[in-house]
Structure formats: C-alpha cells, structure tokens
Amino acid sequence: MRLNKSIGRLINLLARKSQMYLGKVLSQYNLTAAEEPFFMALQNREGITQEELTSIVCVDKAATARAVRSLEEKGYLLRIQDEKDKRQNRVYPTEKAKQIGQEVRTELMKFNKLLTRNIKEEDLDRLYSLLLQMEENMNKIFKEMIYQGNEEQE
C-alpha cells in the first residue's frame, strides 16, 4: 500500500472531524464530545463502577475521573460509594440525564446516517467487518506490548 493511502491517518482524521461535529451538536445539551461515550454508557448501565466505565469507554482512569466529575457537576450523574467496597464509586444517571438520553441517541444516529450516506448497505456491512478486524488487530498489538513490558503506566 502506498503511504498516501494511510488507513490509520484517515481513521484519525475522521475521528477528529467527528469529535468537532459532535461537539457542536451536543453543545445544545451541555455535553462535550469527550463526555458523550460516558453519558451514553450510563444510559443502559446504571450503577456500574468507574472502573467498569473506564473499560467500556476504553480510556484511562484519569480521563474517566475527569468526565465523571464534569457530568456530575452538570447534574447528569450521581457518584455513590459502593456499600460493599468503599474504594469503589458507582455511577448512576440522574433524571435530567434520562430525560435527554433518547434525544442524544437520536442525534448520534442522525450523525451516523450523515456519515454513511451514499454508501450501499453491503459496503457498510463489509466496512464494519473490516473495522472490527482492525480493532482486533489493535487488541493483539496492545497485548503484545503488555507482554513485552511496554505498557504505559497510568
């Protein structure tokens, strides 16, 4: 493959532009693009721990802590200490979050349709499969890095 057809660069470019678009769309809900995955994860997983949230969103603990703190300050979630394990916090969406959850989901679906317009369904299915394979490849790369002792410290 030629260097001018770098898939990684294109994916990175799409991700950055997606964040910019979502930032504008979500601002009407007082949400940022960085907070969106946390907000949406809590819509279907009430009472999960911050550690579980970190794993679901696939970020480091510090990013989760910042997002949780921000969403809590905005009135979108409650952080409650786990009764059995005092070292853990469980997070719950507030009524305010539940009220706009479907609207935010609709905006995300609208964005997905805009992003994939004029692409045939079978091409989208193939693209999705290929992206899943690339994610699996990345997971293997990370496992190899950890095995070789190249893990980035949190």
Foldseek 3Di string as FASTA:
>chain_A
DDPVPDPVVVVVVVVVVVQVVLQVVCVVVVDHSLLVLLLLVQLPPAFDWLVVSCVSVVHDSVSSVVSLVVCVVVQQKDWDQDPVDNVITTIHGDVSSNVCNVVSVVVVVVVVCVVCPPPDPVRVVVVVVVVVVVVVVVVVVQVVCVVVVNDDDD
